[in-house]
């Protein structure tokens, strides 16, 4: 593998991520949530109820910032704070139906955008692309876990 290839792959990934991020923010302008709220809702939708501390870690935010975010989301009936069943001292953030519906609609819009882009590719190219992205993701996750064990 040549250094030039790695540089080009990194640049391409960065440019694609930026376009996806911009399109995602554009889509969000039609919904009553901010980009950080979308990220929080996604985490809760994918991983279930979490404490403020857990959500803060996932989002790389200070607990105080996450608390403010959750306060606003709770006022908008997107999430609610619930006492943990096993330990009443622990409060978890629970995704409400309105939050789940918004997440599903936003993701559907993002997928429609991607479908429109991918229509220019053959079925075989799309399958190969999906496979390569999955392999890249799996390798990155494995590397992340490996580094976590070392620290």
N, C-alpha and C. Protein backbone atom coordinates (compact mmCIF):
# COMPACT_ATOMS: atom_id res chain seq x y z
N UNK A 1 0.85 -1.17 0.00
CA UNK A 1 0.00 0.00 0.00
C UNK A 1 0.89 1.24 0.00
N UNK A 2 0.56 2.18 -0.84
CA UNK A 2 1.36 3.40 -0.96
C UNK A 2 0.83 4.50 -0.05
N UNK A 3 1.73 5.33 0.41
CA UNK A 3 1.36 6.47 1.26
C UNK A 3 0.35 7.36 0.55
N UNK A 4 0.53 7.56 -0.74
CA UNK A 4 -0.37 8.40 -1.53
C UNK A 4 -1.80 7.86 -1.48
N UNK A 5 -1.93 6.54 -1.52
CA UNK A 5 -3.26 5.93 -1.46
C UNK A 5 -3.92 6.19 -0.11
N UNK A 6 -3.15 6.02 0.96
CA UNK A 6 -3.67 6.26 2.30
C UNK A 6 -4.10 7.72 2.43
N UNK A 7 -3.27 8.63 1.92
CA UNK A 7 -3.61 10.05 1.97
C UNK A 7 -4.91 10.32 1.21
N UNK A 8 -5.07 9.71 0.05
CA UNK A 8 -6.27 9.93 -0.75
C UNK A 8 -7.50 9.32 -0.10
N UNK A 9 -7.36 8.14 0.49
CA UNK A 9 -8.49 7.50 1.19
C UNK A 9 -8.91 8.34 2.38
N UNK A 10 -7.94 8.81 3.17
CA UNK A 10 -8.26 9.65 4.32
C UNK A 10 -8.98 10.92 3.87
N UNK A 11 -8.48 11.54 2.82
CA UNK A 11 -9.10 12.77 2.31
C UNK A 11 -10.52 12.50 1.80
N UNK A 12 -10.70 11.41 1.08
CA UNK A 12 -12.02 11.06 0.56
C UNK A 12 -13.01 10.79 1.69
N UNK A 13 -12.58 10.04 2.70
CA UNK A 13 -13.44 9.77 3.85
C UNK A 13 -13.83 11.07 4.55
N UNK A 14 -12.87 11.96 4.71
CA UNK A 14 -13.12 13.25 5.37
C UNK A 14 -14.12 14.08 4.56
N UNK A 15 -13.95 14.11 3.24
CA UNK A 15 -14.84 14.90 2.39
C UNK A 15 -16.26 14.31 2.38
N UNK A 16 -16.35 12.98 2.29
CA UNK A 16 -17.67 12.32 2.32
C UNK A 16 -18.34 12.59 3.66
N UNK A 17 -17.59 12.45 4.76
CA UNK A 17 -18.16 12.68 6.09
C UNK A 17 -18.66 14.12 6.21
N UNK A 18 -17.95 15.06 5.66
CA UNK A 18 -18.35 16.46 5.72
C UNK A 18 -19.65 16.69 4.95
N UNK A 19 -19.77 16.10 3.77
CA UNK A 19 -20.99 16.25 2.97
C UNK A 19 -22.18 15.60 3.69
N UNK A 20 -21.97 14.42 4.26
CA UNK A 20 -23.03 13.74 5.00
C UNK A 20 -23.46 14.59 6.20
N UNK A 21 -22.48 15.16 6.89
CA UNK A 21 -22.76 16.01 8.05
C UNK A 21 -23.57 17.24 7.62
N UNK A 22 -23.15 17.90 6.53
CA UNK A 22 -23.86 19.08 6.04
C UNK A 22 -25.29 18.73 5.62
N UNK A 23 -25.44 17.62 4.91
CA UNK A 23 -26.77 17.20 4.47
C UNK A 23 -27.63 16.86 5.69
N UNK A 24 -27.03 16.21 6.67
CA UNK A 24 -27.75 15.88 7.89
C UNK A 24 -28.24 17.13 8.60
N UNK A 25 -27.40 18.15 8.66
CA UNK A 25 -27.80 19.41 9.32
C UNK A 25 -28.90 20.10 8.52
N UNK A 26 -28.80 20.02 7.20
CA UNK A 26 -29.84 20.60 6.35
C UNK A 26 -31.19 19.91 6.61
N UNK A 27 -31.16 18.60 6.70
CA UNK A 27 -32.38 17.82 6.99
C UNK A 27 -32.93 18.21 8.35
N UNK A 28 -32.03 18.39 9.33
CA UNK A 28 -32.46 18.72 10.70
C UNK A 28 -33.18 20.06 10.80
N UNK A 29 -32.94 20.97 9.83
CA UNK A 29 -33.61 22.27 9.89
C UNK A 29 -35.12 22.12 9.77
N UNK A 30 -35.59 20.99 9.27
CA UNK A 30 -37.02 20.74 9.13
C UNK A 30 -37.62 20.03 10.35
N UNK A 31 -36.80 19.84 11.38
CA UNK A 31 -37.25 19.14 12.58
C UNK A 31 -36.94 19.99 13.81
N UNK A 32 -37.70 19.78 14.90
CA UNK A 32 -37.53 20.61 16.10
C UNK A 32 -36.40 20.15 17.03
N UNK A 33 -35.26 19.77 16.45
CA UNK A 33 -34.11 19.36 17.28
C UNK A 33 -32.83 19.96 16.70
N UNK A 34 -31.83 20.07 17.55
CA UNK A 34 -30.52 20.58 17.14
C UNK A 34 -29.61 19.39 16.80
N UNK A 35 -28.50 19.64 16.09
CA UNK A 35 -27.57 18.54 15.80
C UNK A 35 -27.11 17.77 17.05
N UNK A 36 -26.73 18.43 18.16
CA UNK A 36 -26.34 17.65 19.34
C UNK A 36 -27.50 16.81 19.90
N UNK A 37 -28.71 17.34 19.83
CA UNK A 37 -29.86 16.56 20.29
C UNK A 37 -30.06 15.33 19.39
N UNK A 38 -29.85 15.50 18.10
CA UNK A 38 -29.95 14.37 17.18
C UNK A 38 -28.96 13.28 17.56
N UNK A 39 -27.72 13.68 17.85
CA UNK A 39 -26.69 12.71 18.24
C UNK A 39 -27.10 11.98 19.51
N UNK A 40 -27.60 12.73 20.49
CA UNK A 40 -28.03 12.12 21.76
C UNK A 40 -29.19 11.14 21.52
N UNK A 41 -30.16 11.57 20.72
CA UNK A 41 -31.30 10.69 20.42
C UNK A 41 -30.84 9.43 19.69
N UNK A 42 -29.88 9.57 18.79
CA UNK A 42 -29.36 8.40 18.08
C UNK A 42 -28.74 7.40 19.05
N UNK A 43 -27.91 7.90 19.98
CA UNK A 43 -27.28 7.01 20.96
C UNK A 43 -28.33 6.27 21.76
N UNK A 44 -29.34 7.00 22.23
CA UNK A 44 -30.41 6.39 23.03
C UNK A 44 -31.22 5.40 22.21
N UNK A 45 -31.46 5.73 20.95
CA UNK A 45 -32.23 4.85 20.08
C UNK A 45 -31.48 3.55 19.80
N UNK A 46 -30.17 3.66 19.62
CA UNK A 46 -29.37 2.48 19.27
C UNK A 46 -28.94 1.65 20.47
N UNK A 47 -28.78 2.28 21.64
CA UNK A 47 -28.21 1.57 22.79
C UNK A 47 -29.12 1.52 24.01
N UNK A 48 -30.31 2.12 23.91
CA UNK A 48 -31.24 2.08 25.03
C UNK A 48 -30.93 3.12 26.08
N UNK A 49 -31.62 3.02 27.20
CA UNK A 49 -31.49 4.00 28.28
C UNK A 49 -30.05 4.10 28.77
N UNK A 50 -29.64 5.33 29.08
CA UNK A 50 -28.28 5.59 29.58
C UNK A 50 -28.33 6.64 30.67
N UNK A 51 -27.31 6.63 31.49
CA UNK A 51 -27.16 7.71 32.47
C UNK A 51 -26.58 8.92 31.74
N UNK A 52 -26.65 10.08 32.38
CA UNK A 52 -26.05 11.29 31.82
C UNK A 52 -24.55 11.06 31.61
N UNK A 53 -23.90 10.42 32.58
CA UNK A 53 -22.47 10.16 32.47
C UNK A 53 -22.13 9.29 31.27
N UNK A 54 -22.91 8.23 31.06
CA UNK A 54 -22.67 7.35 29.91
C UNK A 54 -22.87 8.09 28.60
N UNK A 55 -23.94 8.86 28.52
CA UNK A 55 -24.22 9.62 27.31
C UNK A 55 -23.15 10.68 27.07
N UNK A 56 -22.68 11.32 28.14
CA UNK A 56 -21.61 12.31 28.03
C UNK A 56 -20.35 11.69 27.43
N UNK A 57 -20.01 10.50 27.90
CA UNK A 57 -18.82 9.80 27.37
C UNK A 57 -18.98 9.50 25.89
N UNK A 58 -20.14 8.99 25.50
CA UNK A 58 -20.39 8.63 24.10
C UNK A 58 -20.30 9.86 23.19
N UNK A 59 -20.78 11.01 23.70
CA UNK A 59 -20.84 12.22 22.90
C UNK A 59 -19.60 13.10 23.06
N UNK A 60 -18.69 12.70 23.95
CA UNK A 60 -17.49 13.49 24.24
C UNK A 60 -17.85 14.90 24.71
N UNK A 61 -18.82 14.97 25.64
CA UNK A 61 -19.25 16.25 26.21
C UNK A 61 -19.10 16.21 27.72
N UNK A 62 -18.99 17.38 28.33
CA UNK A 62 -18.97 17.47 29.78
C UNK A 62 -20.36 17.08 30.30
N UNK A 63 -20.41 16.50 31.49
CA UNK A 63 -21.70 16.11 32.07
C UNK A 63 -22.64 17.30 32.20
N UNK A 64 -22.11 18.47 32.53
CA UNK A 64 -22.97 19.66 32.67
C UNK A 64 -23.59 20.05 31.33
N UNK A 65 -22.84 19.91 30.26
CA UNK A 65 -23.36 20.22 28.92
C UNK A 65 -24.45 19.22 28.55
N UNK A 66 -24.21 17.95 28.85
CA UNK A 66 -25.20 16.90 28.55
C UNK A 66 -26.45 17.10 29.38
N UNK A 67 -26.28 17.52 30.63
CA UNK A 67 -27.44 17.78 31.50
C UNK A 67 -28.31 18.88 30.89
N UNK A 68 -27.69 19.97 30.42
CA UNK A 68 -28.45 21.06 29.78
C UNK A 68 -29.17 20.55 28.53
N UNK A 69 -28.48 19.74 27.77
CA UNK A 69 -29.06 19.16 26.55
C UNK A 69 -30.29 18.31 26.89
N UNK A 70 -30.15 17.48 27.90
CA UNK A 70 -31.25 16.60 28.32
C UNK A 70 -32.41 17.43 28.88
N UNK A 71 -32.10 18.50 29.62
CA UNK A 71 -33.15 19.38 30.15
C UNK A 71 -34.02 19.91 29.01
N UNK A 72 -33.39 20.40 27.95
CA UNK A 72 -34.13 20.94 26.80
C UNK A 72 -34.92 19.85 26.08
N UNK A 73 -34.32 18.67 25.95
CA UNK A 73 -34.99 17.56 25.28
C UNK A 73 -36.18 17.07 26.10
N UNK A 74 -36.04 17.11 27.42
CA UNK A 74 -37.13 16.68 28.29
C UNK A 74 -38.30 17.66 28.18
N UNK A 75 -37.99 18.97 28.12
CA UNK A 75 -39.05 19.99 27.96
C UNK A 75 -39.81 19.80 26.64
N UNK A 76 -39.11 19.30 25.63
CA UNK A 76 -39.74 19.08 24.32
C UNK A 76 -40.33 17.68 24.18
N UNK A 77 -40.40 16.95 25.28
CA UNK A 77 -41.01 15.61 25.33
C UNK A 77 -40.34 14.62 24.37
N UNK A 78 -38.99 14.72 24.27
CA UNK A 78 -38.22 13.79 23.45
C UNK A 78 -37.67 12.65 24.30
N UNK A 79 -37.35 12.98 25.55
CA UNK A 79 -36.79 12.01 26.50
C UNK A 79 -37.39 12.26 27.87
N UNK A 80 -37.18 11.29 28.77
CA UNK A 80 -37.57 11.50 30.17
C UNK A 80 -36.52 10.85 31.06
N UNK A 81 -36.41 11.38 32.26
CA UNK A 81 -35.52 10.79 33.26
C UNK A 81 -36.33 9.74 34.03
N UNK A 82 -35.74 8.57 34.17
CA UNK A 82 -36.41 7.49 34.92
C UNK A 82 -35.43 6.88 35.91
N UNK A 83 -35.94 6.50 37.07
CA UNK A 83 -35.11 5.84 38.08
C UNK A 83 -34.79 4.43 37.61
N UNK A 84 -33.56 4.02 37.81
CA UNK A 84 -33.13 2.66 37.46
C UNK A 84 -33.91 1.66 38.30
N UNK A 85 -34.37 0.58 37.68
CA UNK A 85 -35.15 -0.45 38.39
C UNK A 85 -34.34 -1.12 39.50
N UNK A 86 -33.05 -1.32 39.25
CA UNK A 86 -32.20 -2.05 40.20
C UNK A 86 -31.57 -1.16 41.27
N UNK A 87 -31.38 0.11 40.94
CA UNK A 87 -30.74 1.03 41.87
C UNK A 87 -31.43 2.39 41.76
N UNK A 88 -32.30 2.69 42.71
CA UNK A 88 -33.13 3.90 42.64
C UNK A 88 -32.31 5.20 42.67
N UNK A 89 -31.04 5.10 43.07
CA UNK A 89 -30.18 6.30 43.08
C UNK A 89 -29.75 6.68 41.67
N UNK A 90 -29.80 5.72 40.75
CA UNK A 90 -29.35 5.94 39.38
C UNK A 90 -30.52 6.42 38.52
N UNK A 91 -30.28 7.51 37.78
CA UNK A 91 -31.29 8.04 36.88
C UNK A 91 -30.83 7.79 35.44
N UNK A 92 -31.72 7.22 34.67
CA UNK A 92 -31.43 6.94 33.26
C UNK A 92 -32.26 7.84 32.36
N UNK A 93 -31.72 8.11 31.20
CA UNK A 93 -32.44 8.90 30.20
C UNK A 93 -33.13 7.92 29.27
N UNK A 94 -34.44 8.08 29.14
CA UNK A 94 -35.26 7.17 28.33
C UNK A 94 -35.82 7.92 27.12
N UNK A 95 -35.69 7.33 25.96
CA UNK A 95 -36.19 7.90 24.71
C UNK A 95 -37.72 7.74 24.66
N UNK A 96 -38.41 8.86 24.49
CA UNK A 96 -39.87 8.83 24.37
C UNK A 96 -40.29 8.63 22.91
N UNK A 97 -41.55 8.31 22.72
CA UNK A 97 -42.07 8.02 21.38
C UNK A 97 -41.84 9.18 20.41
N UNK A 98 -42.04 10.41 20.88
CA UNK A 98 -41.82 11.58 20.00
C UNK A 98 -40.36 11.65 19.54
N UNK A 99 -39.44 11.40 20.43
CA UNK A 99 -38.02 11.40 20.08
C UNK A 99 -37.70 10.30 19.09
N UNK A 100 -38.27 9.12 19.33
CA UNK A 100 -38.05 7.97 18.45
C UNK A 100 -38.60 8.27 17.04
N UNK A 101 -39.77 8.88 16.97
CA UNK A 101 -40.39 9.20 15.69
C UNK A 101 -39.53 10.21 14.91
N UNK A 102 -39.04 11.22 15.61
CA UNK A 102 -38.19 12.22 14.94
C UNK A 102 -36.92 11.57 14.41
N UNK A 103 -36.28 10.74 15.23
CA UNK A 103 -35.06 10.06 14.79
C UNK A 103 -35.34 9.22 13.54
N UNK A 104 -36.41 8.46 13.57
CA UNK A 104 -36.76 7.60 12.43
C UNK A 104 -37.00 8.43 11.17
N UNK A 105 -37.69 9.56 11.31
CA UNK A 105 -37.96 10.42 10.15
C UNK A 105 -36.68 11.03 9.60
N UNK A 106 -35.81 11.51 10.48
CA UNK A 106 -34.55 12.11 10.05
C UNK A 106 -33.70 11.06 9.34
N UNK A 107 -33.59 9.88 9.92
CA UNK A 107 -32.78 8.82 9.31
C UNK A 107 -33.38 8.41 7.96
N UNK A 108 -34.70 8.35 7.88
CA UNK A 108 -35.35 8.02 6.60
C UNK A 108 -34.99 9.05 5.54
N UNK A 109 -35.00 10.33 5.89
CA UNK A 109 -34.63 11.40 4.95
C UNK A 109 -33.16 11.27 4.53
N UNK A 110 -32.30 10.94 5.48
CA UNK A 110 -30.88 10.75 5.16
C UNK A 110 -30.70 9.56 4.22
N UNK A 111 -31.46 8.49 4.46
CA UNK A 111 -31.37 7.31 3.60
C UNK A 111 -31.92 7.60 2.20
N UNK A 112 -32.95 8.44 2.11
CA UNK A 112 -33.48 8.84 0.80
C UNK A 112 -32.41 9.59 0.01
N UNK A 113 -31.69 10.47 0.70
CA UNK A 113 -30.60 11.21 0.06
C UNK A 113 -29.53 10.24 -0.45
N UNK A 114 -29.15 9.30 0.38
CA UNK A 114 -28.13 8.33 0.00
C UNK A 114 -28.61 7.44 -1.14
N UNK A 115 -29.88 7.05 -1.11
CA UNK A 115 -30.45 6.25 -2.19
C UNK A 115 -30.33 6.99 -3.51
N UNK A 116 -30.63 8.28 -3.48
CA UNK A 116 -30.55 9.10 -4.68
C UNK A 116 -29.12 9.11 -5.23
N UNK A 117 -28.14 9.21 -4.36
CA UNK A 117 -26.73 9.21 -4.77
C UNK A 117 -26.34 7.84 -5.31
N UNK A 118 -26.72 6.78 -4.60
CA UNK A 118 -26.29 5.42 -4.97
C UNK A 118 -26.98 4.89 -6.22
N UNK A 119 -28.05 5.52 -6.66
CA UNK A 119 -28.72 5.08 -7.89
C UNK A 119 -27.81 5.18 -9.11
N UNK A 120 -26.77 5.97 -9.01
CA UNK A 120 -25.82 6.14 -10.12
C UNK A 120 -24.85 4.94 -10.22
N UNK A 121 -24.87 4.08 -9.20
CA UNK A 121 -23.96 2.93 -9.15
C UNK A 121 -24.71 1.65 -9.51
N UNK A 122 -23.96 0.65 -10.00
CA UNK A 122 -24.57 -0.65 -10.28
C UNK A 122 -24.84 -1.37 -8.96
N UNK A 123 -25.69 -2.39 -9.02
CA UNK A 123 -25.97 -3.19 -7.82
C UNK A 123 -24.70 -3.82 -7.28
N UNK A 124 -23.84 -4.27 -8.19
CA UNK A 124 -22.58 -4.89 -7.78
C UNK A 124 -21.68 -3.88 -7.08
N UNK A 125 -21.60 -2.66 -7.61
CA UNK A 125 -20.78 -1.62 -6.99
C UNK A 125 -21.30 -1.28 -5.60
N UNK A 126 -22.61 -1.19 -5.45
CA UNK A 126 -23.20 -0.88 -4.15
C UNK A 126 -22.89 -1.99 -3.15
N UNK A 127 -23.01 -3.25 -3.60
CA UNK A 127 -22.70 -4.39 -2.71
C UNK A 127 -21.24 -4.38 -2.30
N UNK A 128 -20.35 -4.12 -3.25
CA UNK A 128 -18.92 -4.06 -2.93
C UNK A 128 -18.63 -2.92 -1.96
N UNK A 129 -19.23 -1.78 -2.21
CA UNK A 129 -19.05 -0.61 -1.37
C UNK A 129 -19.51 -0.90 0.06
N UNK A 130 -20.69 -1.50 0.18
CA UNK A 130 -21.22 -1.87 1.49
C UNK A 130 -20.27 -2.83 2.21
N UNK A 131 -19.79 -3.82 1.48
CA UNK A 131 -18.88 -4.80 2.07
C UNK A 131 -17.59 -4.13 2.54
N UNK A 132 -17.00 -3.28 1.71
CA UNK A 132 -15.74 -2.62 2.09
C UNK A 132 -15.94 -1.69 3.29
N UNK A 133 -17.06 -0.99 3.34
CA UNK A 133 -17.33 -0.14 4.50
C UNK A 133 -17.47 -0.97 5.77
N UNK A 134 -18.15 -2.12 5.67
CA UNK A 134 -18.29 -3.00 6.82
C UNK A 134 -16.94 -3.54 7.29
N UNK A 135 -16.10 -3.92 6.35
CA UNK A 135 -14.76 -4.43 6.69
C UNK A 135 -13.95 -3.32 7.36
N UNK A 136 -13.99 -2.11 6.80
CA UNK A 136 -13.26 -0.98 7.37
C UNK A 136 -13.75 -0.69 8.79
N UNK A 137 -15.06 -0.66 8.96
CA UNK A 137 -15.65 -0.41 10.28
C UNK A 137 -15.22 -1.49 11.27
N UNK A 138 -15.32 -2.74 10.88
CA UNK A 138 -14.94 -3.84 11.76
C UNK A 138 -13.48 -3.73 12.19
N UNK A 139 -12.60 -3.39 11.26
CA UNK A 139 -11.18 -3.24 11.58
C UNK A 139 -10.95 -2.08 12.53
N UNK A 140 -11.67 -0.98 12.30
CA UNK A 140 -11.53 0.18 13.18
C UNK A 140 -12.03 -0.14 14.58
N UNK A 141 -13.13 -0.87 14.69
CA UNK A 141 -13.68 -1.26 15.99
C UNK A 141 -12.71 -2.20 16.71
N UNK A 142 -12.14 -3.15 15.97
CA UNK A 142 -11.19 -4.09 16.57
C UNK A 142 -9.97 -3.34 17.11
N UNK A 143 -9.48 -2.38 16.34
CA UNK A 143 -8.33 -1.57 16.75
C UNK A 143 -8.67 -0.76 18.01
N UNK A 144 -9.87 -0.20 18.03
CA UNK A 144 -10.33 0.58 19.18
C UNK A 144 -10.38 -0.28 20.44
N UNK A 145 -10.92 -1.49 20.32
CA UNK A 145 -11.01 -2.42 21.46
C UNK A 145 -9.62 -2.83 21.93
N UNK A 146 -8.74 -3.07 20.97
CA UNK A 146 -7.36 -3.44 21.28
C UNK A 146 -6.67 -2.34 22.07
N UNK A 147 -6.85 -1.08 21.64
CA UNK A 147 -6.25 0.06 22.33
C UNK A 147 -6.85 0.25 23.72
N UNK A 148 -8.14 -0.01 23.84
CA UNK A 148 -8.82 0.12 25.14
C UNK A 148 -8.24 -0.87 26.14
N UNK A 149 -7.95 -2.09 25.69
CA UNK A 149 -7.38 -3.12 26.57
C UNK A 149 -5.99 -2.74 27.04
N UNK A 150 -5.23 -2.07 26.17
CA UNK A 150 -3.87 -1.68 26.51
C UNK A 150 -3.83 -0.54 27.51
N UNK A 151 -4.87 0.28 27.55
CA UNK A 151 -4.88 1.45 28.44
C UNK A 151 -5.50 1.17 29.76
